[in-house]
C-alpha atoms as a PDB file:
ATOM      1  CA  MET A   1      24.581  50.649-257.011  1.00  0.00           C
ATOM      2  CA  GLN A   2      22.567  48.886-254.336  1.00  0.00           C
ATOM      3  CA  HIS A   3      24.019  48.479-250.885  1.00  0.00           C
ATOM      4  CA  THR A   4      23.985  45.405-248.693  1.00  0.00           C
ATOM      5  CA  PRO A   5      21.610  45.903-245.748  1.00  0.00           C
ATOM      6  CA  LYS A   6      23.448  46.262-242.470  1.00  0.00           C
ATOM      7  CA  LEU A   7      23.199  44.161-239.353  1.00  0.00           C
ATOM      8  CA  CYS A   8      21.265  46.084-236.690  1.00  0.00           C
ATOM      9  CA  HIS A   9      20.740  45.724-232.945  1.00  0.00           C
ATOM     10  CA  HIS A  10      17.131  45.890-231.679  1.00  0.00           C
ATOM     11  CA  LEU A  11      17.583  47.120-228.124  1.00  0.00           C
ATOM     12  CA  GLY A  12      14.019  46.381-227.005  1.00  0.00           C
ATOM     13  CA  SER A  13      14.192  42.687-227.764  1.00  0.00           C
ATOM     14  CA  GLU A  14      18.000  42.399-227.480  1.00  0.00           C
ATOM     15  CA  GLN A  15      18.229  40.720-230.867  1.00  0.00           C
ATOM     16  CA  GLY A  16      20.186  41.268-234.023  1.00  0.00           C
ATOM     17  CA  TYR A  17      18.162  41.854-237.156  1.00  0.00           C
ATOM     18  CA  VAL A  18      18.411  42.834-240.802  1.00  0.00           C
ATOM     19  CA  THR A  19      15.719  44.354-243.007  1.00  0.00           C
ATOM     20  CA  LEU A  20      15.382  42.658-246.389  1.00  0.00           C
ATOM     21  CA  ASN A  21      12.732  43.731-248.879  1.00  0.00           C
ATOM     22  CA  GLY A  22      10.891  45.719-246.207  1.00  0.00           C
ATOM     23  CA  ARG A  23      10.716  42.856-243.694  1.00  0.00           C
ATOM     24  CA  GLU A  24      12.769  42.420-240.512  1.00  0.00           C
ATOM     25  CA  HIS A  25      14.516  39.099-240.015  1.00  0.00           C
ATOM     26  CA  TYR A  26      15.614  38.453-236.422  1.00  0.00           C
ATOM     27  CA  LEU A  27      18.902  36.611-236.099  1.00  0.00           C
ATOM     28  CA  GLY A  28      19.325  35.773-232.421  1.00  0.00           C
ATOM     29  CA  HIS A  29      20.213  37.170-229.005  1.00  0.00           C
ATOM     30  CA  TRP A  30      22.498  40.230-228.872  1.00  0.00           C
ATOM     31  CA  PRO A  31      23.035  41.390-225.256  1.00  0.00           C
ATOM     32  CA  ARG A  32      22.467  45.015-224.400  1.00  0.00           C
ATOM     33  CA  GLY A  33      25.701  46.965-224.038  1.00  0.00           C
ATOM     34  CA  GLN A  34      27.683  44.670-226.313  1.00  0.00           C
ATOM     35  CA  ARG A  35      28.886  46.761-229.261  1.00  0.00           C
ATOM     36  CA  LYS A  36      29.866  43.987-231.657  1.00  0.00           C
ATOM     37  CA  ALA A  37      27.436  41.313-232.758  1.00  0.00           C
ATOM     38  CA  PRO A  38      27.945  37.902-231.131  1.00  0.00           C
ATOM     39  CA  PRO A  39      29.431  35.265-233.476  1.00  0.00           C
ATOM     40  CA  ALA A  40      26.135  33.348-233.704  1.00  0.00           C
ATOM     41  CA  VAL A  41      24.231  36.476-234.805  1.00  0.00           C
ATOM     42  CA  ARG A  42      26.957  37.398-237.286  1.00  0.00           C
ATOM     43  CA  SER A  43      26.893  33.875-238.718  1.00  0.00           C
ATOM     44  CA  GLU A  44      23.098  33.952-239.171  1.00  0.00           C
ATOM     45  CA  TYR A  45      23.404  37.370-240.845  1.00  0.00           C
ATOM     46  CA  ASP A  46      26.073  36.077-243.253  1.00  0.00           C
ATOM     47  CA  LEU A  47      23.969  33.025-244.180  1.00  0.00           C
ATOM     48  CA  LEU A  48      20.817  35.079-244.740  1.00  0.00           C
ATOM     49  CA  ILE A  49      22.594  37.753-246.805  1.00  0.00           C
ATOM     50  CA  GLY A  50      24.281  35.022-248.863  1.00  0.00           C
ATOM     51  CA  ARG A  51      20.931  33.402-249.674  1.00  0.00           C
ATOM     52  CA  TRP A  52      19.422  36.806-250.430  1.00  0.00           C
ATOM     53  CA  LEU A  53      22.216  37.819-252.803  1.00  0.00           C
ATOM     54  CA  ALA A  54      22.346  34.426-254.538  1.00  0.00           C
ATOM     55  CA  ASN A  55      18.624  34.666-255.308  1.00  0.00           C
ATOM     56  CA  GLY A  56      18.760  38.107-256.946  1.00  0.00           C
ATOM     57  CA  ARG A  57      18.236  40.168-253.770  1.00  0.00           C
ATOM     58  CA  ARG A  58      15.113  38.237-252.797  1.00  0.00           C
ATOM     59  CA  LEU A  59      14.804  35.371-250.349  1.00  0.00           C
ATOM     60  CA  PRO A  60      13.877  32.052-251.969  1.00  0.00           C
ATOM     61  CA  ASP A  61      10.788  31.716-249.750  1.00  0.00           C
ATOM     62  CA  GLU A  62       9.486  35.184-250.721  1.00  0.00           C
ATOM     63  CA  THR A  63       7.413  34.092-253.679  1.00  0.00           C
ATOM     64  CA  THR A  64       4.063  35.466-254.690  1.00  0.00           C
ATOM     65  CA  PRO A  65       1.378  33.037-253.580  1.00  0.00           C
ATOM     66  CA  ALA A  66      -0.660  31.501-256.374  1.00  0.00           C
ATOM     67  CA  ALA A  67      -4.250  32.647-256.693  1.00  0.00           C
ATOM     68  CA  PRO A  68      -6.766  30.084-255.485  1.00  0.00           C
ATOM     69  CA  ALA A  69      -8.710  28.241-258.161  1.00  0.00           C
ATOM     70  CA  PRO A  70     -12.042  29.912-258.936  1.00  0.00           C
ATOM     71  CA  VAL A  71     -15.152  28.317-257.469  1.00  0.00           C
ATOM     72  CA  THR A  72     -17.753  27.220-260.017  1.00  0.00           C
ATOM     73  CA  VAL A  73     -21.523  27.430-259.614  1.00  0.00           C
ATOM     74  CA  ASN A  74     -21.701  23.622-259.722  1.00  0.00           C
ATOM     75  CA  GLN A  75     -19.261  23.350-256.767  1.00  0.00           C
ATOM     76  CA  VAL A  76     -21.428  25.751-254.720  1.00  0.00           C
ATOM     77  CA  ILE A  77     -24.604  23.836-255.535  1.00  0.00           C
ATOM     78  CA  LEU A  78     -23.023  20.461-254.740  1.00  0.00           C
ATOM     79  CA  ALA A  79     -21.821  21.812-251.373  1.00  0.00           C
ATOM     80  CA  PHE A  80     -25.476  22.388-250.308  1.00  0.00           C
ATOM     81  CA  VAL A  81     -27.203  19.400-251.923  1.00  0.00           C
ATOM     82  CA  PRO A  82     -27.320  16.315-249.676  1.00  0.00           C
END
């Protein structure tokens, strides 16, 4: 069974963050010394985790970019001919 990634506190930048699919997502200001996440950070975490879970544990914007169309010899020649 997979677990839900936890909300973390990055002390250096004083921000809340969560790691999804190997990438950190920063969620807003979390003051140093405050043990519990501020409501705004918790809300952002809940929204992000909800989107992540609803999309099969991937964020909707994490799609594989399409390969660029191949360049033909004619396109190269036309680029240099006045």
